[in-house]
N, C-alpha and C. Protein backbone atom coordinates (compact mmCIF):
# COMPACT_ATOMS: atom_id res chain seq x y z
N MET A 1 -29.83 25.59 -89.88
CA MET A 1 -30.85 26.33 -90.60
C MET A 1 -31.49 27.35 -89.64
N LEU A 2 -31.59 28.56 -90.10
CA LEU A 2 -32.23 29.61 -89.31
C LEU A 2 -33.73 29.61 -89.58
N LEU A 3 -34.48 29.78 -88.50
CA LEU A 3 -35.93 29.81 -88.62
C LEU A 3 -36.44 31.21 -88.29
N GLU A 4 -37.47 31.62 -89.00
CA GLU A 4 -38.03 32.96 -88.82
C GLU A 4 -38.44 33.27 -87.38
N PRO A 5 -39.08 32.35 -86.65
CA PRO A 5 -39.47 32.69 -85.27
C PRO A 5 -38.29 33.05 -84.36
N GLU A 6 -37.17 32.35 -84.52
CA GLU A 6 -36.00 32.66 -83.70
C GLU A 6 -35.44 34.04 -84.03
N ILE A 7 -35.35 34.36 -85.31
CA ILE A 7 -34.82 35.66 -85.70
C ILE A 7 -35.77 36.77 -85.26
N ALA A 8 -37.06 36.54 -85.34
CA ALA A 8 -38.03 37.53 -84.85
C ALA A 8 -37.84 37.76 -83.35
N ARG A 9 -37.55 36.69 -82.60
CA ARG A 9 -37.29 36.85 -81.16
C ARG A 9 -36.06 37.71 -80.91
N VAL A 10 -35.03 37.54 -81.73
CA VAL A 10 -33.81 38.35 -81.59
C VAL A 10 -34.15 39.82 -81.78
N VAL A 11 -34.85 40.14 -82.85
CA VAL A 11 -35.20 41.53 -83.14
C VAL A 11 -36.10 42.10 -82.04
N GLU A 12 -37.09 41.34 -81.62
CA GLU A 12 -37.98 41.80 -80.54
C GLU A 12 -37.20 42.06 -79.26
N HIS A 13 -36.27 41.18 -78.94
CA HIS A 13 -35.43 41.35 -77.75
C HIS A 13 -34.60 42.64 -77.86
N CYS A 14 -33.98 42.84 -79.00
CA CYS A 14 -33.14 44.03 -79.21
C CYS A 14 -33.96 45.31 -79.07
N GLU A 15 -35.13 45.33 -79.67
CA GLU A 15 -35.98 46.51 -79.62
C GLU A 15 -36.54 46.75 -78.21
N ARG A 16 -36.94 45.70 -77.54
CA ARG A 16 -37.52 45.82 -76.20
C ARG A 16 -36.47 46.22 -75.16
N SER A 17 -35.29 45.60 -75.23
CA SER A 17 -34.25 45.82 -74.22
C SER A 17 -33.35 47.01 -74.54
N GLY A 18 -33.30 47.41 -75.81
CA GLY A 18 -32.36 48.45 -76.22
C GLY A 18 -30.95 47.93 -76.40
N ARG A 19 -30.75 46.62 -76.28
CA ARG A 19 -29.42 46.02 -76.42
C ARG A 19 -29.16 45.74 -77.90
N LYS A 20 -28.72 46.78 -78.57
CA LYS A 20 -28.46 46.71 -80.00
C LYS A 20 -27.43 47.79 -80.33
N ILE A 21 -26.80 47.65 -81.47
CA ILE A 21 -25.90 48.70 -81.94
C ILE A 21 -26.41 49.17 -83.29
N GLN A 22 -26.13 50.43 -83.59
CA GLN A 22 -26.54 50.97 -84.89
C GLN A 22 -25.30 51.20 -85.73
N HIS A 23 -25.32 50.72 -86.95
CA HIS A 23 -24.22 50.89 -87.88
C HIS A 23 -24.29 52.30 -88.47
N GLU A 24 -23.23 53.06 -88.29
CA GLU A 24 -23.22 54.45 -88.75
C GLU A 24 -23.44 54.58 -90.25
N GLU A 25 -22.82 53.71 -91.04
CA GLU A 25 -22.88 53.84 -92.49
C GLU A 25 -24.26 53.52 -93.06
N THR A 26 -24.94 52.53 -92.49
CA THR A 26 -26.21 52.07 -93.07
C THR A 26 -27.44 52.47 -92.26
N GLY A 27 -27.25 52.72 -90.97
CA GLY A 27 -28.38 52.98 -90.09
C GLY A 27 -29.05 51.70 -89.60
N ASN A 28 -28.57 50.54 -90.07
CA ASN A 28 -29.12 49.26 -89.63
C ASN A 28 -28.73 48.99 -88.18
N PHE A 29 -29.49 48.12 -87.53
CA PHE A 29 -29.20 47.70 -86.16
C PHE A 29 -28.74 46.25 -86.15
N SER A 30 -27.91 45.91 -85.16
CA SER A 30 -27.48 44.53 -84.94
C SER A 30 -27.61 44.19 -83.47
N GLY A 31 -27.92 42.94 -83.21
CA GLY A 31 -27.98 42.47 -81.83
C GLY A 31 -28.01 40.96 -81.82
N HIS A 32 -27.95 40.40 -80.61
CA HIS A 32 -27.93 38.95 -80.47
C HIS A 32 -28.79 38.50 -79.31
N LEU A 33 -29.10 37.21 -79.32
CA LEU A 33 -29.87 36.59 -78.25
C LEU A 33 -29.53 35.11 -78.21
N GLN A 34 -29.27 34.59 -77.03
CA GLN A 34 -29.05 33.15 -76.88
C GLN A 34 -30.39 32.47 -76.64
N ILE A 35 -30.67 31.46 -77.45
CA ILE A 35 -31.87 30.64 -77.30
C ILE A 35 -31.38 29.20 -77.23
N GLY A 36 -31.54 28.59 -76.08
CA GLY A 36 -31.00 27.24 -75.89
C GLY A 36 -29.48 27.30 -75.94
N ASN A 37 -28.87 26.41 -76.73
CA ASN A 37 -27.41 26.41 -76.83
C ASN A 37 -26.90 27.12 -78.08
N LEU A 38 -27.76 27.88 -78.74
CA LEU A 38 -27.36 28.66 -79.91
C LEU A 38 -27.47 30.15 -79.61
N THR A 39 -26.52 30.91 -80.12
CA THR A 39 -26.61 32.37 -80.06
C THR A 39 -26.90 32.86 -81.47
N TYR A 40 -27.97 33.63 -81.60
CA TYR A 40 -28.42 34.15 -82.89
C TYR A 40 -28.07 35.63 -82.99
N TRP A 41 -27.63 36.07 -84.16
CA TRP A 41 -27.38 37.47 -84.45
C TRP A 41 -28.28 37.89 -85.61
N ALA A 42 -28.72 39.13 -85.56
CA ALA A 42 -29.53 39.66 -86.65
C ALA A 42 -29.09 41.09 -86.94
N GLU A 43 -29.00 41.40 -88.21
CA GLU A 43 -28.84 42.79 -88.65
C GLU A 43 -30.15 43.13 -89.34
N TYR A 44 -30.76 44.23 -88.93
CA TYR A 44 -32.10 44.55 -89.42
C TYR A 44 -32.31 46.05 -89.47
N ARG A 45 -33.40 46.42 -90.16
CA ARG A 45 -33.81 47.82 -90.29
C ARG A 45 -35.29 47.90 -89.94
N PRO A 46 -35.65 48.69 -88.92
CA PRO A 46 -37.07 48.84 -88.58
C PRO A 46 -37.85 49.52 -89.71
N THR A 47 -39.11 49.10 -89.86
CA THR A 47 -40.03 49.73 -90.81
C THR A 47 -41.34 50.01 -90.08
N GLU A 48 -42.25 50.68 -90.73
CA GLU A 48 -43.55 50.95 -90.12
C GLU A 48 -44.31 49.67 -89.80
N ASP A 49 -44.11 48.64 -90.62
CA ASP A 49 -44.85 47.38 -90.46
C ASP A 49 -44.08 46.30 -89.71
N GLY A 50 -42.89 46.60 -89.22
CA GLY A 50 -42.08 45.59 -88.53
C GLY A 50 -40.61 45.85 -88.75
N PHE A 51 -39.97 44.95 -89.51
CA PHE A 51 -38.56 45.14 -89.80
C PHE A 51 -38.19 44.42 -91.08
N VAL A 52 -37.06 44.85 -91.67
CA VAL A 52 -36.47 44.18 -92.82
C VAL A 52 -35.20 43.51 -92.33
N LEU A 53 -35.09 42.23 -92.53
CA LEU A 53 -33.90 41.49 -92.14
C LEU A 53 -32.83 41.67 -93.21
N VAL A 54 -31.66 42.13 -92.80
CA VAL A 54 -30.54 42.32 -93.72
C VAL A 54 -29.70 41.05 -93.76
N LYS A 55 -29.35 40.52 -92.58
CA LYS A 55 -28.65 39.25 -92.51
C LYS A 55 -28.81 38.66 -91.12
N ALA A 56 -28.63 37.36 -91.04
CA ALA A 56 -28.76 36.67 -89.76
C ALA A 56 -27.87 35.44 -89.78
N TYR A 57 -27.40 35.07 -88.61
CA TYR A 57 -26.60 33.86 -88.49
C TYR A 57 -26.63 33.39 -87.04
N SER A 58 -26.16 32.18 -86.82
CA SER A 58 -26.13 31.63 -85.46
C SER A 58 -24.86 30.80 -85.29
N HIS A 59 -24.47 30.65 -84.03
CA HIS A 59 -23.34 29.79 -83.66
C HIS A 59 -23.72 29.03 -82.40
N ARG A 60 -23.23 27.83 -82.28
CA ARG A 60 -23.45 27.03 -81.09
C ARG A 60 -22.44 27.49 -80.05
N MET A 61 -22.82 28.53 -79.30
CA MET A 61 -21.93 29.13 -78.31
C MET A 61 -22.74 29.96 -77.33
N SER A 62 -22.10 30.34 -76.24
CA SER A 62 -22.72 31.27 -75.30
C SER A 62 -21.78 32.43 -75.09
N ILE A 63 -22.34 33.58 -74.75
CA ILE A 63 -21.57 34.79 -74.49
C ILE A 63 -21.76 35.13 -73.03
N ASP A 64 -20.66 35.16 -72.28
CA ASP A 64 -20.75 35.54 -70.88
C ASP A 64 -20.86 37.05 -70.78
N GLU A 65 -21.97 37.52 -70.22
CA GLU A 65 -22.23 38.94 -70.08
C GLU A 65 -22.63 39.22 -68.64
N ALA A 66 -22.59 40.48 -68.25
CA ALA A 66 -22.96 40.86 -66.89
C ALA A 66 -24.41 40.49 -66.60
N THR A 67 -25.28 40.64 -67.59
CA THR A 67 -26.67 40.22 -67.44
C THR A 67 -26.96 39.16 -68.48
N SER A 68 -27.74 38.20 -68.13
CA SER A 68 -28.02 37.08 -69.02
C SER A 68 -29.43 37.18 -69.59
N ASP A 69 -29.55 36.87 -70.88
CA ASP A 69 -30.85 36.86 -71.55
C ASP A 69 -31.23 35.45 -71.95
N ARG A 70 -30.59 34.47 -71.36
CA ARG A 70 -30.83 33.08 -71.74
C ARG A 70 -32.21 32.64 -71.30
N LYS A 71 -32.89 31.96 -72.21
CA LYS A 71 -34.23 31.45 -71.90
C LYS A 71 -34.39 30.07 -72.45
């Protein structure tokens, strides 16, 4: 089950770090963040008041990257 605080952390991380991709067709952004032993992904669209979540999911996995965002 996905919880709102975890997904909000993903979006905040993507916006703060710039580690996100933008989908050309929709203009939405996607990014991920590992929290504990789960990696969360979020597709979202920024708004004046925050963001609109388009979709989110998680997997029990880690992604080996040059820099780590694990907390």
